[in-house]
Protein backbone atom coordinates (compact mmCIF):
# COMPACT_ATOMS: atom_id res chain seq x y z
CA MET A 1 8.02 -19.38 1.79
CA GLU A 2 11.57 -18.09 1.78
CA ASP A 3 12.29 -14.94 3.77
CA PRO A 4 12.85 -12.01 1.43
CA HIS A 5 15.86 -9.84 2.18
CA TRP A 6 14.51 -6.54 0.99
CA ARG A 7 16.38 -3.33 1.68
CA LEU A 8 15.03 0.11 0.87
CA ASP A 9 17.56 2.37 -0.83
CA VAL A 10 17.02 5.65 1.04
CA ASP A 11 18.46 7.73 -1.81
CA THR A 12 16.21 6.37 -4.57
CA GLY A 13 13.25 5.24 -2.44
CA LEU A 14 13.29 1.92 -4.30
CA ILE A 15 13.83 -1.68 -3.21
CA PRO A 16 16.51 -3.11 -5.52
CA GLY A 17 15.37 -6.24 -7.33
CA ILE A 18 11.67 -5.38 -7.07
CA ALA A 19 9.87 -4.24 -10.22
CA CYS A 20 8.89 -0.56 -10.13
CA LEU A 21 6.13 0.22 -12.57
CA CYS A 22 6.45 3.98 -11.86
CA SER A 23 2.97 5.44 -11.56
CA PRO A 24 2.39 8.93 -12.92
CA HIS A 25 -0.02 9.41 -10.00
CA SER A 26 2.58 10.71 -7.58
CA ASP A 27 4.40 13.92 -6.80
CA ASP A 28 7.02 15.41 -4.49
CA ARG A 29 6.50 15.28 -0.75
CA PRO A 30 6.51 18.64 1.04
CA ASP A 31 10.05 19.75 1.94
CA GLY A 32 11.27 18.46 5.29
CA THR A 33 8.56 15.83 5.66
CA GLU A 34 9.48 12.83 7.83
CA ILE A 35 7.93 9.61 6.56
CA ASP A 36 6.66 8.04 9.76
CA THR A 37 3.41 6.21 8.94
CA VAL A 38 2.34 3.21 6.87
CA VAL A 39 -1.22 2.82 5.62
CA ILE A 40 -2.43 -0.67 4.75
CA HIS A 41 -5.12 -0.92 2.08
CA SER A 42 -6.88 -3.69 0.22
CA ILE A 43 -7.87 -3.65 -3.42
CA SER A 44 -9.48 -5.88 -6.01
CA LEU A 45 -10.49 -4.86 -9.51
CA PRO A 46 -13.16 -5.51 -10.46
CA PRO A 47 -14.37 -5.92 -6.87
CA GLY A 48 -13.92 -9.48 -5.65
CA GLU A 49 -11.56 -10.52 -8.46
CA PHE A 50 -7.96 -11.04 -7.35
CA GLU A 51 -6.16 -12.23 -10.48
CA THR A 52 -6.16 -9.20 -12.72
CA ASP A 53 -3.88 -6.67 -14.32
CA ALA A 54 -6.51 -3.98 -13.79
CA ILE A 55 -4.79 -2.77 -10.63
CA ASN A 56 -1.58 -2.14 -12.54
CA ASP A 57 -3.56 -0.36 -15.23
CA LEU A 58 -5.39 1.78 -12.67
CA PHE A 59 -2.19 2.83 -10.91
CA LEU A 60 -0.48 3.51 -14.24
CA GLY A 61 -3.37 5.61 -15.55
CA CYS A 62 -4.22 3.32 -18.46
CA LEU A 63 -7.28 1.40 -17.25
CA ASP A 64 -9.59 0.55 -20.15
CA VAL A 65 -12.92 1.63 -18.66
CA THR A 66 -14.81 -0.20 -21.41
CA SER A 67 -13.39 -3.61 -20.40
CA HIS A 68 -15.72 -4.07 -17.40
CA PRO A 69 -18.93 -2.33 -16.29
CA TYR A 70 -17.45 -1.49 -12.86
CA PHE A 71 -14.58 0.41 -14.46
CA GLN A 72 -17.09 2.84 -15.95
CA THR A 73 -17.79 4.05 -12.37
CA ILE A 74 -14.15 5.10 -11.89
CA PRO A 75 -13.11 6.59 -15.24
CA SER A 76 -11.22 9.59 -13.86
CA LEU A 77 -9.79 8.02 -10.70
CA ARG A 78 -6.11 8.94 -10.28
CA VAL A 79 -4.61 6.83 -7.49
CA SER A 80 -1.46 4.93 -6.67
CA ALA A 81 0.33 3.24 -3.81
CA HIS A 82 3.96 2.73 -3.06
CA PHE A 83 3.63 -1.07 -2.97
CA LEU A 84 1.25 -3.89 -3.82
CA ILE A 85 1.41 -7.40 -2.38
CA ASP A 86 -0.46 -9.99 -4.44
CA ARG A 87 -2.13 -13.15 -3.09
CA GLU A 88 1.11 -15.15 -3.56
CA GLY A 89 3.18 -12.61 -1.61
CA ARG A 90 4.87 -11.07 -4.64
CA LEU A 91 5.79 -7.40 -4.27
CA ILE A 92 5.42 -4.67 -6.89
CA GLN A 93 6.48 -1.07 -6.36
CA TYR A 94 4.68 1.81 -8.09
CA VAL A 95 6.11 4.91 -6.44
CA PRO A 96 9.53 5.49 -4.87
CA VAL A 97 9.10 5.96 -1.13
CA ILE A 98 10.79 9.37 -1.34
CA ARG A 99 7.80 10.57 -3.43
CA ARG A 100 4.18 11.00 -2.39
CA ALA A 101 1.78 8.34 -3.68
CA TRP A 102 -1.91 9.16 -3.95
CA HIS A 103 -3.42 6.44 -1.77
CA ALA A 104 -5.02 8.04 1.30
CA GLY A 105 -7.34 10.69 -0.12
CA VAL A 106 -9.04 12.96 2.41
CA SER A 107 -7.50 11.71 5.65
CA SER A 108 -5.99 12.53 9.03
CA PHE A 109 -3.88 10.73 11.61
CA HIS A 110 -3.01 11.99 15.09
CA GLY A 111 -4.32 15.45 14.21
CA ARG A 112 -2.34 15.71 10.96
CA GLU A 113 -4.24 16.12 7.70
CA ARG A 114 -3.07 14.97 4.26
CA VAL A 115 -1.73 11.58 5.29
CA ASN A 116 -0.23 11.05 1.82
CA ASP A 117 2.37 13.67 2.75
CA PHE A 118 4.00 11.57 5.50
CA SER A 119 3.03 7.97 4.79
CA VAL A 120 3.82 4.91 2.72
CA GLY A 121 0.81 3.19 1.11
CA ILE A 122 0.76 -0.60 0.87
CA GLU A 123 -2.03 -2.33 -1.04
CA LEU A 124 -2.91 -5.97 -0.46
CA ILE A 125 -4.91 -7.70 -3.16
CA GLY A 126 -8.04 -8.65 -1.27
CA SER A 127 -11.41 -7.54 -0.01
CA ASP A 128 -13.46 -7.08 3.15
CA GLU A 129 -15.06 -10.49 2.62
CA GLN A 130 -12.10 -12.88 2.26
CA PRO A 131 -9.12 -13.53 4.51
CA PHE A 132 -5.70 -12.52 3.28
CA SER A 133 -3.18 -15.22 2.40
CA ASP A 134 -0.32 -16.45 4.57
CA GLN A 135 2.04 -15.33 1.81
CA GLN A 136 0.68 -11.78 2.03
CA TYR A 137 1.21 -11.58 5.80
CA HIS A 138 4.72 -12.96 5.33
CA ALA A 139 5.61 -10.43 2.63
CA LEU A 140 4.04 -7.57 4.60
CA GLN A 141 6.11 -8.51 7.65
CA TYR A 142 9.37 -8.31 5.69
CA LEU A 143 8.38 -5.18 3.79
CA LEU A 144 7.67 -3.45 7.10
CA ARG A 145 11.06 -4.53 8.39
CA ALA A 146 12.78 -3.01 5.35
CA LEU A 147 10.83 0.23 5.80
CA GLN A 148 11.56 0.42 9.53
CA GLU A 149 15.28 -0.07 8.93
CA ALA A 150 15.34 2.83 6.46
CA LEU A 151 12.82 5.18 8.11
CA PRO A 152 13.79 5.77 11.74
CA GLY A 153 10.50 7.51 12.67
CA LEU A 154 8.38 4.51 11.66
CA SER A 155 7.23 2.44 14.62
CA PRO A 156 4.70 -0.42 14.72
CA GLU A 157 2.17 1.93 16.36
CA ARG A 158 2.22 4.05 13.21
CA VAL A 159 1.09 1.21 10.93
CA VAL A 160 -2.64 1.74 10.37
CA GLY A 161 -5.45 0.79 8.04
CA HIS A 162 -7.09 3.06 5.52
CA CYS A 163 -10.18 2.75 7.75
CA ASP A 164 -8.23 4.39 10.61
CA ILE A 165 -7.28 7.52 8.68
CA ALA A 166 -10.54 7.92 6.73
CA PRO A 167 -13.22 6.51 9.07
CA GLY A 168 -16.71 6.44 7.62
CA ARG A 169 -15.29 6.79 4.13
CA LYS A 170 -13.06 3.70 3.87
CA THR A 171 -13.22 0.20 5.39
CA ASP A 172 -9.99 -1.38 4.14
CA PRO A 173 -8.08 -3.45 4.83
CA GLY A 174 -11.36 -4.68 6.31
CA PRO A 175 -12.55 -7.03 9.03
CA THR A 176 -10.73 -10.03 7.57
CA PHE A 177 -7.31 -8.44 8.12
CA ASP A 178 -5.83 -10.04 11.25
CA TRP A 179 -4.17 -7.14 13.05
CA ASP A 180 -3.12 -9.31 16.02
CA ARG A 181 -1.39 -11.80 13.72
CA PHE A 182 0.28 -9.01 11.78
CA ARG A 183 1.54 -7.12 14.87
CA ALA A 184 2.83 -10.36 16.44
CA SER A 185 4.74 -11.12 13.23
CA LEU A 186 6.59 -7.80 13.45
CA ALA A 187 8.13 -8.85 16.75
CA LYS A 188 9.58 -11.96 15.07
CA VAL A 189 11.56 -10.21 12.37
């Protein structure tokens, strides 16, 4: 896989050349907030199915809840993430990094509540039961590099899983996410 050369535009919060589907499920960050944390998630909709447009529809607020029985359990869910990496390593952006995406829910990190305020949310298409693809690790490595170059307060120690900021409530990215592999890859970029 070719190395992507992504650069985050700090003024717009977008990565030029990457599709931004612009989720309505976002708002302004509190004034003066330093973005210094990344939260890694995993998602599949319906659960266990990786090739679907349902994630886009969920993040864009237009999920047809009648199209699958599982969707009827989440009819009013209003969530988003800044980025999604699919199984082939393709990147989609939903929320400019300068805005707050609604990915963390009730959460805390290092004694700070409301993790959405100061974090970037990255979703990987996957589940707790299946390993993530090589292409996803590769894309995540280069996305993190682009974020670190643009956000000086972001260090590798501040890249966490949803399970770390909402323990007991969330398990993602799950036991199949290889944290050692991921952290080692950051040193290579």
